[in-house]
Amino acid sequence: MVLYAEGIFWYVLVLDCLYYNYNVWISRKKGSHWLSAQFPYTKFLALWYLVLTAWLGYLLVRMQLLGF
């Protein structure tokens, strides 16, 4: 199993995406992130972030850059 830099970056991005979606959908701590004044927690942005991350993962799987 070979890991490329793109794959490692995507795994970190997935963790960040899951944490962001957890804060938006489940957690009741609104605005607890230091960047939340510029980019507020909204469900649309969380869903869009999840879609883009999944799309990027799909492309990386097709290019065989993820270590599955």
N, C-alpha and C. Protein backbone atom coordinates (compact mmCIF):
# COMPACT_ATOMS: atom_id res chain seq x y z
N MET A 1 0.85 -1.18 0.00
CA MET A 1 0.00 0.00 0.00
C MET A 1 0.89 1.24 0.00
N VAL A 2 0.75 2.03 -1.02
CA VAL A 2 1.54 3.24 -1.15
C VAL A 2 0.67 4.44 -0.81
N LEU A 3 1.16 5.31 0.06
CA LEU A 3 0.46 6.54 0.39
C LEU A 3 1.15 7.72 -0.28
N TYR A 4 0.38 8.49 -0.99
CA TYR A 4 0.89 9.69 -1.63
C TYR A 4 0.54 10.91 -0.80
N ALA A 5 1.19 12.02 -1.09
CA ALA A 5 0.93 13.25 -0.33
C ALA A 5 -0.52 13.69 -0.51
N GLU A 6 -1.07 13.49 -1.69
CA GLU A 6 -2.47 13.86 -1.93
C GLU A 6 -3.41 13.04 -1.05
N GLY A 7 -3.09 11.77 -0.88
CA GLY A 7 -3.93 10.92 -0.04
C GLY A 7 -3.87 11.32 1.42
N ILE A 8 -2.68 11.63 1.90
CA ILE A 8 -2.54 12.06 3.29
C ILE A 8 -3.29 13.37 3.51
N PHE A 9 -3.15 14.30 2.57
CA PHE A 9 -3.87 15.57 2.67
C PHE A 9 -5.37 15.33 2.67
N TRP A 10 -5.85 14.38 1.86
CA TRP A 10 -7.29 14.12 1.81
C TRP A 10 -7.78 13.52 3.12
N TYR A 11 -7.00 12.64 3.74
CA TYR A 11 -7.41 12.07 5.02
C TYR A 11 -7.51 13.15 6.09
N VAL A 12 -6.58 14.09 6.10
CA VAL A 12 -6.65 15.21 7.05
C VAL A 12 -7.88 16.07 6.75
N LEU A 13 -8.15 16.29 5.47
CA LEU A 13 -9.32 17.06 5.07
C LEU A 13 -10.61 16.36 5.48
N VAL A 14 -10.66 15.06 5.41
CA VAL A 14 -11.85 14.31 5.83
C VAL A 14 -12.07 14.46 7.32
N LEU A 15 -11.00 14.38 8.10
CA LEU A 15 -11.15 14.57 9.55
C LEU A 15 -11.67 15.97 9.87
N ASP A 16 -11.16 16.98 9.18
CA ASP A 16 -11.64 18.33 9.39
C ASP A 16 -13.10 18.48 8.97
N CYS A 17 -13.46 17.86 7.86
CA CYS A 17 -14.83 17.92 7.38
C CYS A 17 -15.78 17.25 8.36
N LEU A 18 -15.39 16.10 8.89
CA LEU A 18 -16.25 15.42 9.86
C LEU A 18 -16.39 16.22 11.14
N TYR A 19 -15.32 16.84 11.60
CA TYR A 19 -15.38 17.67 12.79
C TYR A 19 -16.29 18.88 12.56
N TYR A 20 -16.18 19.52 11.40
CA TYR A 20 -17.02 20.67 11.08
C TYR A 20 -18.50 20.26 11.02
N ASN A 21 -18.78 19.14 10.36
CA ASN A 21 -20.17 18.69 10.27
C ASN A 21 -20.71 18.27 11.63
N TYR A 22 -19.87 17.70 12.47
CA TYR A 22 -20.31 17.37 13.84
C TYR A 22 -20.70 18.64 14.59
N ASN A 23 -19.88 19.68 14.47
CA ASN A 23 -20.19 20.94 15.15
C ASN A 23 -21.46 21.58 14.63
N VAL A 24 -21.73 21.44 13.36
CA VAL A 24 -22.92 22.08 12.79
C VAL A 24 -24.18 21.29 13.10
N TRP A 25 -24.16 19.98 12.89
CA TRP A 25 -25.37 19.19 12.97
C TRP A 25 -25.67 18.67 14.37
N ILE A 26 -24.65 18.33 15.16
CA ILE A 26 -24.89 17.65 16.43
C ILE A 26 -24.58 18.54 17.63
N SER A 27 -23.44 19.16 17.62
CA SER A 27 -23.00 19.95 18.77
C SER A 27 -23.84 21.21 18.90
N ARG A 28 -24.04 21.61 20.12
CA ARG A 28 -24.83 22.83 20.37
C ARG A 28 -23.93 24.02 20.69
N LYS A 29 -22.62 23.87 20.54
CA LYS A 29 -21.70 24.99 20.77
C LYS A 29 -21.59 25.79 19.48
N LYS A 30 -22.35 26.81 19.34
CA LYS A 30 -22.32 27.62 18.13
C LYS A 30 -21.27 28.71 18.25
N GLY A 31 -20.46 28.83 17.25
CA GLY A 31 -19.47 29.89 17.22
C GLY A 31 -18.28 29.65 18.12
N SER A 32 -17.92 28.39 18.37
CA SER A 32 -16.82 28.12 19.27
C SER A 32 -15.47 28.07 18.56
N HIS A 33 -15.46 28.14 17.26
CA HIS A 33 -14.22 28.10 16.50
C HIS A 33 -13.69 29.51 16.31
N TRP A 34 -12.38 29.66 16.23
CA TRP A 34 -11.79 31.01 16.12
C TRP A 34 -12.10 31.66 14.78
N LEU A 35 -12.43 30.88 13.78
CA LEU A 35 -12.73 31.43 12.47
C LEU A 35 -14.22 31.62 12.24
N SER A 36 -15.03 31.34 13.25
CA SER A 36 -16.48 31.38 13.07
C SER A 36 -17.03 32.79 12.87
N ALA A 37 -16.28 33.81 13.20
CA ALA A 37 -16.76 35.18 12.95
C ALA A 37 -16.73 35.49 11.46
N GLN A 38 -15.73 34.97 10.74
CA GLN A 38 -15.63 35.20 9.31
C GLN A 38 -16.44 34.18 8.50
N PHE A 39 -16.45 32.94 8.95
CA PHE A 39 -17.18 31.87 8.29
C PHE A 39 -18.10 31.21 9.31
N PRO A 40 -19.33 31.68 9.42
CA PRO A 40 -20.22 31.13 10.45
C PRO A 40 -20.61 29.68 10.14
N TYR A 41 -20.95 28.95 11.20
CA TYR A 41 -21.41 27.58 11.05
C TYR A 41 -22.80 27.59 10.43
N THR A 42 -22.91 27.07 9.25
CA THR A 42 -24.22 26.91 8.62
C THR A 42 -24.32 25.50 8.06
N LYS A 43 -25.53 25.00 8.02
CA LYS A 43 -25.73 23.64 7.54
C LYS A 43 -25.46 23.52 6.04
N PHE A 44 -25.74 24.58 5.29
CA PHE A 44 -25.47 24.53 3.86
C PHE A 44 -23.97 24.43 3.60
N LEU A 45 -23.16 25.24 4.29
CA LEU A 45 -21.71 25.17 4.09
C LEU A 45 -21.15 23.82 4.53
N ALA A 46 -21.70 23.26 5.59
CA ALA A 46 -21.24 21.95 6.05
C ALA A 46 -21.56 20.87 5.02
N LEU A 47 -22.76 20.92 4.47
CA LEU A 47 -23.14 19.94 3.47
C LEU A 47 -22.31 20.11 2.19
N TRP A 48 -22.08 21.35 1.79
CA TRP A 48 -21.28 21.61 0.60
C TRP A 48 -19.82 21.16 0.79
N TYR A 49 -19.29 21.38 1.98
CA TYR A 49 -17.94 20.93 2.32
C TYR A 49 -17.85 19.40 2.27
N LEU A 50 -18.89 18.73 2.76
CA LEU A 50 -18.93 17.27 2.72
C LEU A 50 -19.00 16.76 1.28
N VAL A 51 -19.81 17.41 0.46
CA VAL A 51 -19.94 16.99 -0.94
C VAL A 51 -18.62 17.18 -1.68
N LEU A 52 -17.98 18.32 -1.49
CA LEU A 52 -16.71 18.57 -2.18
C LEU A 52 -15.61 17.62 -1.71
N THR A 53 -15.59 17.29 -0.44
CA THR A 53 -14.59 16.36 0.08
C THR A 53 -14.84 14.96 -0.48
N ALA A 54 -16.08 14.54 -0.54
CA ALA A 54 -16.40 13.24 -1.11
C ALA A 54 -16.06 13.19 -2.60
N TRP A 55 -16.33 14.27 -3.31
CA TRP A 55 -16.02 14.34 -4.73
C TRP A 55 -14.51 14.25 -4.96
N LEU A 56 -13.75 14.96 -4.14
CA LEU A 56 -12.29 14.90 -4.24
C LEU A 56 -11.79 13.50 -3.93
N GLY A 57 -12.36 12.85 -2.93
CA GLY A 57 -11.99 11.48 -2.62
C GLY A 57 -12.30 10.52 -3.76
N TYR A 58 -13.44 10.72 -4.40
CA TYR A 58 -13.80 9.90 -5.55
C TYR A 58 -12.79 10.08 -6.68
N LEU A 59 -12.39 11.31 -6.93
CA LEU A 59 -11.40 11.55 -7.98
C LEU A 59 -10.05 10.93 -7.63
N LEU A 60 -9.66 11.01 -6.37
CA LEU A 60 -8.39 10.43 -5.97
C LEU A 60 -8.42 8.90 -6.04
N VAL A 61 -9.58 8.30 -5.77
CA VAL A 61 -9.71 6.85 -5.91
C VAL A 61 -9.60 6.47 -7.38
N ARG A 62 -10.24 7.23 -8.24
CA ARG A 62 -10.17 6.94 -9.67
C ARG A 62 -8.76 7.07 -10.22
N MET A 63 -7.98 8.01 -9.66
CA MET A 63 -6.59 8.17 -10.08
C MET A 63 -5.66 7.23 -9.33
N GLN A 64 -6.20 6.41 -8.45
CA GLN A 64 -5.49 5.42 -7.65
C GLN A 64 -4.39 6.07 -6.79
N LEU A 65 -4.75 7.20 -6.15
CA LEU A 65 -3.81 7.88 -5.27
C LEU A 65 -4.13 7.68 -3.80
N LEU A 66 -5.27 7.10 -3.48
CA LEU A 66 -5.59 6.79 -2.09
C LEU A 66 -5.15 5.37 -1.79
N GLY A 67 -4.78 5.15 -0.55
CA GLY A 67 -4.25 3.86 -0.17
C GLY A 67 -5.29 2.85 0.24
N PHE A 68 -6.30 2.62 -0.58
CA PHE A 68 -7.31 1.60 -0.28
C PHE A 68 -6.86 0.27 -0.83
